[in-house]
Amino acid sequence: MGKAAAERRLDEAEAMALSRTIRISPQKLNLVAASIRGKAASAAVAELAFSRRRIAGDVKKVLEAAIANAENNHQLDVDRLFVKEAFVGKSFVMKRFRARARGRGARILKPFSNLTIVVREREDAE
């Protein structure tokens, strides 16, 4: 997924930000990403600010970076931005072992994820 996200071509009305190796499983991160998909950028930032999930702060940082990229690099209107895409990819998994009874070992998996957020300027309906 790494190359596909990096090679993705953006429209003139789009901006993107991505974060690699976030220490959370892709399944848990996708729950937070799904909660902001399709929402207005300001509403998504507000929702992440008051979310009780631990990872919401990191997702908010990436969303704010995408908004800043839209404003500074692509000269888009911040008030008309919405979250077009928020997708999660799997990164590496650290494997650890924990000692268990009778000389056995239990495997512990510590997954990492990649997060990509694309914001787009909304076209007027008129």
Protein backbone atom coordinates (compact mmCIF):
# COMPACT_ATOMS: atom_id res chain seq x y z
CA MET A 1 0.00 0.00 0.00
CA GLY A 2 2.94 2.32 0.61
CA LYS A 3 3.76 2.98 -3.04
CA ALA A 4 0.11 3.18 -4.10
CA ALA A 5 -0.60 5.97 -1.62
CA ALA A 6 2.56 7.88 -2.52
CA GLU A 7 2.00 7.57 -6.27
CA ARG A 8 -1.66 8.60 -6.11
CA ARG A 9 -2.31 11.64 -8.26
CA LEU A 10 -4.30 14.41 -6.62
CA ASP A 11 -6.78 16.69 -8.31
CA GLU A 12 -6.22 20.47 -8.18
CA ALA A 13 -8.89 20.76 -5.49
CA GLU A 14 -7.33 18.09 -3.23
CA ALA A 15 -4.59 17.91 -0.62
CA MET A 16 -3.17 14.94 1.25
CA ALA A 17 -1.29 14.13 4.44
CA LEU A 18 -0.07 10.77 5.63
CA SER A 19 1.45 9.31 8.74
CA ARG A 20 3.46 6.13 8.79
CA THR A 21 4.11 3.66 11.60
CA ILE A 22 1.40 4.68 14.04
CA ARG A 23 1.48 2.26 16.97
CA ILE A 24 -2.03 0.83 16.78
CA SER A 25 -3.68 -2.00 14.89
CA PRO A 26 -5.18 -1.09 11.51
CA GLN A 27 -8.59 -2.36 12.63
CA LYS A 28 -8.76 0.05 15.60
CA LEU A 29 -7.39 2.95 13.57
CA ASN A 30 -9.96 2.33 10.84
CA LEU A 31 -12.79 2.79 13.35
CA VAL A 32 -11.60 6.36 14.01
CA ALA A 33 -10.91 7.02 10.31
CA ALA A 34 -14.42 5.83 9.40
CA SER A 35 -15.93 8.31 11.85
CA ILE A 36 -14.55 11.30 9.88
CA ARG A 37 -14.96 10.09 6.28
CA GLY A 38 -17.11 12.43 4.20
CA LYS A 39 -17.48 15.06 6.93
CA ALA A 40 -16.59 18.72 6.69
CA ALA A 41 -13.02 19.32 7.83
CA SER A 42 -14.03 21.55 10.74
CA ALA A 43 -16.62 19.02 11.96
CA ALA A 44 -14.08 16.20 11.68
CA VAL A 45 -11.51 18.14 13.75
CA ALA A 46 -14.16 18.84 16.39
CA GLU A 47 -15.20 15.19 16.53
CA LEU A 48 -11.60 14.01 16.93
CA ALA A 49 -10.93 16.61 19.62
CA PHE A 50 -13.69 15.18 21.80
CA SER A 51 -13.25 11.52 20.92
CA ARG A 52 -12.39 9.23 23.81
CA ARG A 53 -10.22 6.92 21.73
CA ARG A 54 -6.48 7.11 22.39
CA ILE A 55 -5.49 7.36 18.74
CA ALA A 56 -7.88 10.24 17.94
CA GLY A 57 -5.17 12.79 18.79
CA ASP A 58 -2.81 11.35 16.18
CA VAL A 59 -5.56 11.22 13.56
CA LYS A 60 -6.41 14.86 14.36
CA LYS A 61 -2.77 15.83 13.79
CA VAL A 62 -2.75 14.19 10.35
CA LEU A 63 -6.07 15.85 9.45
CA GLU A 64 -4.76 19.26 10.51
CA ALA A 65 -1.64 18.64 8.40
CA ALA A 66 -3.83 17.86 5.37
CA ILE A 67 -5.81 21.06 5.98
CA ALA A 68 -2.57 23.07 6.27
CA ASN A 69 -1.28 21.49 3.03
CA ALA A 70 -4.52 22.47 1.29
CA GLU A 71 -4.23 26.05 2.47
CA ASN A 72 -0.50 26.65 2.04
CA ASN A 73 0.50 24.40 -0.87
CA HIS A 74 -2.67 24.31 -2.98
CA GLN A 75 -4.34 27.65 -2.04
CA LEU A 76 -7.69 26.02 -1.23
CA ASP A 77 -10.44 27.58 0.87
CA VAL A 78 -10.29 26.00 4.34
CA ASP A 79 -13.98 26.64 5.06
CA ARG A 80 -15.07 24.54 2.07
CA LEU A 81 -12.88 21.49 2.74
CA PHE A 82 -14.24 18.04 3.52
CA VAL A 83 -12.59 14.68 4.15
CA LYS A 84 -12.76 12.89 0.81
CA GLU A 85 -10.74 9.83 1.86
CA ALA A 86 -9.34 8.52 5.11
CA PHE A 87 -7.79 5.12 4.65
CA VAL A 88 -5.62 2.86 6.76
CA GLY A 89 -2.85 0.54 5.65
CA LYS A 90 -0.96 -2.15 7.47
CA SER A 91 2.65 -1.48 8.38
CA PHE A 92 5.08 -3.83 10.10
CA VAL A 93 4.34 -5.95 13.17
CA MET A 94 6.79 -6.25 16.08
CA LYS A 95 6.82 -9.76 17.49
CA ARG A 96 7.53 -10.30 21.18
CA PHE A 97 7.35 -13.30 23.50
CA ARG A 98 6.03 -13.47 27.03
CA ALA A 99 7.00 -16.22 29.43
CA ARG A 100 4.10 -18.49 30.40
CA ALA A 101 3.69 -21.45 32.71
CA ARG A 102 5.58 -24.74 32.25
CA GLY A 103 8.37 -23.18 30.21
CA ARG A 104 6.17 -22.13 27.36
CA GLY A 105 6.14 -18.82 25.53
CA ALA A 106 3.21 -16.80 24.26
CA ARG A 107 3.59 -14.62 21.21
CA ILE A 108 2.67 -10.94 21.49
CA LEU A 109 2.03 -9.00 18.28
CA LYS A 110 2.48 -5.24 18.30
CA PRO A 111 1.04 -3.97 15.01
CA PHE A 112 1.73 -0.63 13.34
CA SER A 113 -0.43 1.20 10.79
CA ASN A 114 -0.22 3.85 8.10
CA LEU A 115 -2.87 6.56 7.79
CA THR A 116 -3.63 8.67 4.71
CA ILE A 117 -6.13 11.52 4.70
CA VAL A 118 -7.22 13.34 1.53
CA VAL A 119 -9.22 16.56 1.83
CA ARG A 120 -11.06 18.14 -1.08
CA GLU A 121 -12.63 21.53 -1.70
CA ARG A 122 -16.41 21.24 -2.04
CA GLU A 123 -17.87 22.56 -5.28
CA ASP A 124 -20.83 24.91 -4.98
CA ALA A 125 -24.19 23.40 -5.88
CA GLU A 126 -25.46 26.56 -7.57
